[in-house]
């Protein structure tokens, strides 16, 4: 699942089975770049369906639960 990043969000908001937020750090992630390359074929297909084959795509990924977050427009201009 790819979630929208909230304003000023710096930690993961994905909740576990008990309803507690993950609070893992969010790091920049390049899922379609040849160096990083998403290994899960299901998640890779979901990324390609939503964003296309853009090799310079930048998302944020939680270090703990591996949830992906879309960047808001103002950050897309900064990182893209």
N, C-alpha and C. Protein backbone atom coordinates (compact mmCIF):
# COMPACT_ATOMS: atom_id res chain seq x y z
N UNK A 1 0.84 -1.18 0.00
CA UNK A 1 0.00 0.00 0.00
C UNK A 1 0.89 1.24 0.00
N UNK A 2 0.49 2.22 -0.79
CA UNK A 2 1.21 3.48 -0.85
C UNK A 2 0.32 4.56 -0.23
N UNK A 3 0.82 5.20 0.81
CA UNK A 3 0.03 6.19 1.54
C UNK A 3 0.48 7.60 1.16
N UNK A 4 -0.38 8.57 1.42
CA UNK A 4 -0.03 9.98 1.22
C UNK A 4 0.71 10.49 2.44
N UNK A 5 1.75 11.26 2.21
CA UNK A 5 2.51 11.87 3.29
C UNK A 5 1.73 13.08 3.81
N UNK A 6 1.58 13.16 5.11
CA UNK A 6 0.89 14.29 5.73
C UNK A 6 1.85 15.47 5.87
N UNK A 7 1.34 16.70 5.98
CA UNK A 7 2.24 17.84 6.18
C UNK A 7 3.08 17.67 7.44
N UNK A 8 4.36 17.93 7.31
CA UNK A 8 5.34 17.86 8.40
C UNK A 8 5.51 16.46 9.00
N UNK A 9 5.13 15.44 8.29
CA UNK A 9 5.27 14.07 8.78
C UNK A 9 6.70 13.60 8.59
N UNK A 10 7.32 13.07 9.64
CA UNK A 10 8.69 12.57 9.57
C UNK A 10 8.81 11.12 10.02
N UNK A 11 7.74 10.56 10.61
CA UNK A 11 7.74 9.16 11.02
C UNK A 11 6.53 8.45 10.44
N UNK A 12 6.60 7.14 10.39
CA UNK A 12 5.54 6.32 9.81
C UNK A 12 4.27 6.35 10.67
N UNK A 13 3.13 6.40 10.01
CA UNK A 13 1.84 6.42 10.70
C UNK A 13 1.06 5.12 10.52
N UNK A 14 1.67 4.12 9.88
CA UNK A 14 0.99 2.84 9.65
C UNK A 14 0.74 2.15 10.98
N UNK A 15 -0.49 1.66 11.18
CA UNK A 15 -0.84 1.01 12.45
C UNK A 15 -0.75 -0.50 12.32
N UNK A 16 -0.34 -1.15 13.41
CA UNK A 16 -0.25 -2.61 13.43
C UNK A 16 -1.60 -3.22 13.79
N UNK A 17 -1.63 -4.52 14.04
CA UNK A 17 -2.88 -5.21 14.34
C UNK A 17 -3.52 -4.72 15.63
N UNK A 18 -2.73 -4.22 16.56
CA UNK A 18 -3.25 -3.74 17.83
C UNK A 18 -3.63 -2.26 17.78
N UNK A 19 -3.43 -1.61 16.64
CA UNK A 19 -3.78 -0.21 16.48
C UNK A 19 -2.71 0.78 16.90
N UNK A 20 -1.50 0.30 17.15
CA UNK A 20 -0.41 1.19 17.56
C UNK A 20 0.37 1.63 16.32
N UNK A 21 0.69 2.93 16.20
CA UNK A 21 1.47 3.40 15.05
C UNK A 21 2.91 2.88 15.09
N UNK A 22 3.49 2.69 13.92
CA UNK A 22 4.84 2.15 13.78
C UNK A 22 5.89 3.13 14.30
N UNK A 23 5.81 4.39 13.90
CA UNK A 23 6.76 5.45 14.26
C UNK A 23 8.18 5.19 13.77
N UNK A 24 8.34 4.42 12.67
CA UNK A 24 9.66 4.21 12.08
C UNK A 24 10.08 5.44 11.29
N UNK A 25 11.39 5.60 11.10
CA UNK A 25 11.91 6.74 10.34
C UNK A 25 11.59 6.58 8.87
N UNK A 26 11.30 7.69 8.20
CA UNK A 26 11.03 7.70 6.76
C UNK A 26 12.30 8.13 6.03
N UNK A 27 12.68 7.35 5.05
CA UNK A 27 13.89 7.64 4.26
C UNK A 27 13.53 7.73 2.79
N UNK A 28 14.29 8.51 2.04
CA UNK A 28 14.09 8.58 0.59
C UNK A 28 14.35 7.22 -0.02
N UNK A 29 13.54 6.90 -1.04
CA UNK A 29 13.60 5.57 -1.64
C UNK A 29 13.38 5.72 -3.14
N UNK A 30 14.23 5.09 -3.93
CA UNK A 30 14.17 5.12 -5.39
C UNK A 30 13.82 3.71 -5.87
N UNK A 31 12.54 3.35 -5.94
CA UNK A 31 12.16 1.95 -6.19
C UNK A 31 12.46 1.42 -7.58
N UNK A 32 12.56 2.28 -8.58
CA UNK A 32 12.77 1.81 -9.95
C UNK A 32 14.19 2.07 -10.45
N UNK A 33 15.04 2.64 -9.63
CA UNK A 33 16.44 2.86 -9.99
C UNK A 33 17.17 1.52 -9.95
N UNK A 34 18.12 1.33 -10.82
CA UNK A 34 18.80 0.04 -10.93
C UNK A 34 19.57 -0.32 -9.65
N UNK A 35 20.00 0.67 -8.88
CA UNK A 35 20.78 0.40 -7.67
C UNK A 35 19.90 -0.14 -6.54
N UNK A 36 18.75 0.50 -6.27
CA UNK A 36 17.90 0.11 -5.15
C UNK A 36 16.94 -1.00 -5.55
N UNK A 37 16.20 -0.82 -6.62
CA UNK A 37 15.33 -1.82 -7.22
C UNK A 37 14.45 -2.58 -6.23
N UNK A 38 13.17 -2.32 -6.26
CA UNK A 38 12.19 -3.00 -5.41
C UNK A 38 12.21 -4.50 -5.71
N UNK A 39 12.39 -5.33 -4.69
CA UNK A 39 12.51 -6.78 -4.89
C UNK A 39 11.16 -7.50 -4.89
N UNK A 40 10.14 -6.94 -4.26
CA UNK A 40 8.81 -7.56 -4.21
C UNK A 40 8.09 -7.28 -5.53
N UNK A 41 7.79 -8.31 -6.35
CA UNK A 41 7.17 -8.06 -7.65
C UNK A 41 5.76 -7.46 -7.55
N UNK A 42 5.01 -7.79 -6.51
CA UNK A 42 3.67 -7.22 -6.34
C UNK A 42 3.73 -5.72 -6.07
N UNK A 43 4.63 -5.34 -5.17
CA UNK A 43 4.80 -3.92 -4.83
C UNK A 43 5.37 -3.15 -6.02
N UNK A 44 6.31 -3.78 -6.74
CA UNK A 44 6.91 -3.14 -7.92
C UNK A 44 5.83 -2.88 -8.98
N UNK A 45 4.94 -3.86 -9.20
CA UNK A 45 3.84 -3.68 -10.15
C UNK A 45 2.90 -2.56 -9.73
N UNK A 46 2.62 -2.47 -8.44
CA UNK A 46 1.75 -1.40 -7.93
C UNK A 46 2.40 -0.03 -8.15
N UNK A 47 3.70 0.07 -7.95
CA UNK A 47 4.42 1.32 -8.16
C UNK A 47 4.40 1.69 -9.64
N UNK A 48 4.64 0.72 -10.52
CA UNK A 48 4.63 0.98 -11.96
C UNK A 48 3.24 1.39 -12.44
N UNK A 49 2.20 0.76 -11.91
CA UNK A 49 0.83 1.11 -12.30
C UNK A 49 0.49 2.55 -11.94
N UNK A 50 0.93 2.97 -10.76
CA UNK A 50 0.58 4.31 -10.30
C UNK A 50 1.49 5.41 -10.85
N UNK A 51 2.79 5.13 -10.96
CA UNK A 51 3.75 6.17 -11.32
C UNK A 51 4.42 5.97 -12.67
N UNK A 52 4.24 4.84 -13.32
CA UNK A 52 4.89 4.57 -14.60
C UNK A 52 6.31 4.06 -14.41
N UNK A 53 7.10 4.13 -15.47
CA UNK A 53 8.47 3.59 -15.47
C UNK A 53 9.53 4.66 -15.21
N UNK A 54 9.19 5.70 -14.49
CA UNK A 54 10.11 6.80 -14.23
C UNK A 54 11.27 6.34 -13.34
N UNK A 55 12.48 6.29 -13.90
CA UNK A 55 13.66 5.84 -13.15
C UNK A 55 14.07 6.83 -12.06
N UNK A 56 13.64 8.08 -12.16
CA UNK A 56 14.01 9.08 -11.17
C UNK A 56 12.94 9.26 -10.09
N UNK A 57 11.97 8.35 -10.03
CA UNK A 57 10.91 8.42 -9.04
C UNK A 57 11.48 8.36 -7.62
N UNK A 58 11.01 9.26 -6.75
CA UNK A 58 11.43 9.28 -5.35
C UNK A 58 10.19 9.13 -4.48
N UNK A 59 10.21 8.14 -3.62
CA UNK A 59 9.16 7.94 -2.61
C UNK A 59 9.84 7.95 -1.25
N UNK A 60 9.06 7.88 -0.20
CA UNK A 60 9.60 7.70 1.14
C UNK A 60 9.20 6.32 1.62
N UNK A 61 10.10 5.64 2.33
CA UNK A 61 9.81 4.30 2.83
C UNK A 61 10.19 4.22 4.30
N UNK A 62 9.32 3.60 5.09
CA UNK A 62 9.57 3.38 6.50
C UNK A 62 10.67 2.33 6.67
N UNK A 63 11.62 2.59 7.56
CA UNK A 63 12.70 1.64 7.80
C UNK A 63 12.22 0.42 8.58
N UNK A 64 11.13 0.54 9.33
CA UNK A 64 10.66 -0.56 10.17
C UNK A 64 9.69 -1.48 9.43
N UNK A 65 8.57 -0.91 8.93
CA UNK A 65 7.51 -1.75 8.35
C UNK A 65 7.49 -1.72 6.82
N UNK A 66 8.37 -0.93 6.19
CA UNK A 66 8.53 -0.83 4.74
C UNK A 66 7.31 -0.27 4.01
N UNK A 67 6.46 0.49 4.71
CA UNK A 67 5.33 1.17 4.07
C UNK A 67 5.86 2.30 3.20
N UNK A 68 5.28 2.47 2.01
CA UNK A 68 5.69 3.52 1.09
C UNK A 68 4.78 4.73 1.22
N UNK A 69 5.34 5.92 1.05
CA UNK A 69 4.60 7.17 1.12
C UNK A 69 4.88 8.00 -0.13
N UNK A 70 3.81 8.58 -0.71
CA UNK A 70 3.94 9.52 -1.83
C UNK A 70 4.41 10.87 -1.30
N UNK A 71 5.20 11.55 -2.10
CA UNK A 71 5.63 12.89 -1.73
C UNK A 71 4.56 13.90 -2.13
N UNK A 72 4.33 14.94 -1.31
CA UNK A 72 3.44 16.02 -1.74
C UNK A 72 4.09 16.83 -2.85
N UNK A 73 3.31 17.63 -3.55
CA UNK A 73 3.81 18.37 -4.73
C UNK A 73 5.02 19.25 -4.42
N UNK A 74 5.02 19.94 -3.27
CA UNK A 74 6.14 20.84 -2.96
C UNK A 74 7.44 20.06 -2.75
N UNK A 75 7.37 18.84 -2.26
CA UNK A 75 8.58 18.03 -2.11
C UNK A 75 8.98 17.35 -3.41
N UNK A 76 8.03 17.07 -4.29
CA UNK A 76 8.37 16.48 -5.58
C UNK A 76 9.28 17.42 -6.37
N UNK A 77 9.00 18.72 -6.29
CA UNK A 77 9.83 19.70 -6.99
C UNK A 77 11.23 19.75 -6.38
N UNK A 78 11.33 19.58 -5.07
CA UNK A 78 12.62 19.64 -4.38
C UNK A 78 13.47 18.41 -4.69
N UNK A 79 12.88 17.21 -4.63
CA UNK A 79 13.64 15.97 -4.83
C UNK A 79 13.66 15.51 -6.29
N UNK A 80 12.69 15.92 -7.08
CA UNK A 80 12.59 15.42 -8.44
C UNK A 80 13.30 16.27 -9.41
